[in-house]
Protein backbone atom coordinates (compact mmCIF):
# COMPACT_ATOMS: atom_id res chain seq x y z
CA UNK A 1 -19.38 10.89 12.96
CA UNK A 2 -17.92 8.15 11.09
CA UNK A 3 -18.92 4.67 12.52
CA UNK A 4 -16.18 1.93 12.82
CA UNK A 5 -16.28 -1.35 11.20
CA UNK A 6 -17.03 -4.54 13.36
CA UNK A 7 -15.12 -6.45 10.92
CA UNK A 8 -11.31 -7.51 11.27
CA UNK A 9 -8.54 -5.61 9.36
CA UNK A 10 -6.13 -7.11 6.93
CA UNK A 11 -2.63 -5.43 7.14
CA UNK A 12 -0.50 -5.88 4.29
CA UNK A 13 3.20 -4.34 3.92
CA UNK A 14 4.86 -3.11 0.74
CA UNK A 15 8.58 -2.28 0.49
CA UNK A 16 10.27 -0.50 -2.37
CA UNK A 17 13.01 1.51 -3.65
CA UNK A 18 11.72 4.92 -4.29
CA UNK A 19 12.20 6.81 -7.66
CA UNK A 20 12.47 10.43 -8.44
CA UNK A 21 8.78 10.10 -9.66
CA UNK A 22 7.56 8.91 -6.46
CA UNK A 23 5.20 10.75 -4.13
CA UNK A 24 3.34 9.45 -1.17
CA UNK A 25 0.10 11.27 -2.37
CA UNK A 26 0.40 9.13 -5.78
CA UNK A 27 1.10 6.18 -3.91
CA UNK A 28 -2.14 6.66 -1.82
CA UNK A 29 -4.38 7.67 -5.10
CA UNK A 30 -2.99 4.61 -6.93
CA UNK A 31 -3.81 2.03 -3.94
CA UNK A 32 -7.34 3.80 -3.55
CA UNK A 33 -7.88 3.79 -7.21
CA UNK A 34 -7.57 -0.39 -7.02
CA UNK A 35 -8.93 -1.09 -3.68
CA UNK A 36 -11.62 1.92 -3.13
CA UNK A 37 -13.20 2.09 0.00
CA UNK A 38 -11.79 -1.05 1.57
CA UNK A 39 -8.55 0.81 2.17
CA UNK A 40 -8.75 2.12 5.68
CA UNK A 41 -5.13 3.56 5.87
CA UNK A 42 -1.85 3.69 4.03
CA UNK A 43 1.04 4.53 6.61
CA UNK A 44 4.87 4.69 6.23
CA UNK A 45 6.11 2.25 8.75
CA UNK A 46 9.98 2.23 7.92
CA UNK A 47 12.41 4.59 5.54
CA UNK A 48 16.02 3.26 5.09
CA UNK A 49 18.79 4.70 2.90
CA UNK A 50 21.53 2.61 1.78
CA UNK A 51 24.63 4.51 1.94
CA UNK A 52 26.57 2.41 -0.56
CA UNK A 53 23.84 2.54 -3.24
CA UNK A 54 22.45 5.90 -2.31
CA UNK A 55 19.08 4.60 -2.66
CA UNK A 56 15.98 5.03 -0.22
CA UNK A 57 13.58 2.19 0.57
CA UNK A 58 10.21 2.89 2.02
CA UNK A 59 7.97 0.32 3.68
CA UNK A 60 4.23 1.00 3.79
CA UNK A 61 1.43 -0.58 5.78
CA UNK A 62 -1.85 -1.04 4.14
CA UNK A 63 -4.89 -1.55 6.07
CA UNK A 64 -7.69 -3.22 4.34
CA UNK A 65 -11.18 -3.40 6.01
CA UNK A 66 -14.82 -3.65 4.83
CA UNK A 67 -17.84 -2.10 6.76
CA UNK A 68 -20.11 -4.96 5.31
CA UNK A 69 -18.21 -8.31 5.70
CA UNK A 70 -14.77 -10.00 6.57
CA UNK A 71 -12.42 -9.89 3.66
CA UNK A 72 -10.80 -13.05 2.45
CA UNK A 73 -7.16 -13.54 2.11
CA UNK A 74 -7.65 -14.25 -1.57
CA UNK A 75 -9.35 -11.06 -2.33
CA UNK A 76 -6.77 -8.94 -0.34
CA UNK A 77 -3.89 -11.00 -1.98
CA UNK A 78 -5.36 -10.20 -5.38
CA UNK A 79 -5.72 -6.42 -4.67
CA UNK A 80 -2.07 -6.35 -3.15
CA UNK A 81 -0.63 -7.99 -6.28
CA UNK A 82 -2.51 -5.31 -8.47
CA UNK A 83 -1.35 -2.53 -6.13
CA UNK A 84 2.44 -3.97 -6.62
CA UNK A 85 2.25 -4.25 -10.24
CA UNK A 86 0.50 -0.72 -10.67
CA UNK A 87 2.98 1.09 -8.47
CA UNK A 88 5.97 -0.33 -10.49
CA UNK A 89 4.31 0.92 -13.73
CA UNK A 90 3.15 4.29 -12.54
CA UNK A 91 5.44 5.30 -9.99
CA UNK A 92 8.86 3.48 -11.33
CA UNK A 93 9.75 2.07 -7.95
CA UNK A 94 11.58 -1.07 -7.55
CA UNK A 95 10.01 -3.70 -5.20
CA UNK A 96 12.17 -5.24 -2.55
């Protein structure tokens, strides 16, 4: 049994054009490597392929939540910026 947090979640979306190096598993590992246990869920919420460019875009929702306290916007925004930078470097995606 895993208890639920009584503190509110913070949802952040991130959209990018995927690359041949991209895998969803690597995305989740990268996000959890930065934010640790406060990442409750990483979920694909939208997928779009541009027929003219032949590129595919993914949009993921990252749910952050602490078991001990409410998270601040500043904390989450800082983590999200680190995530954005890291996935560009490691997974070679192009942010939208």
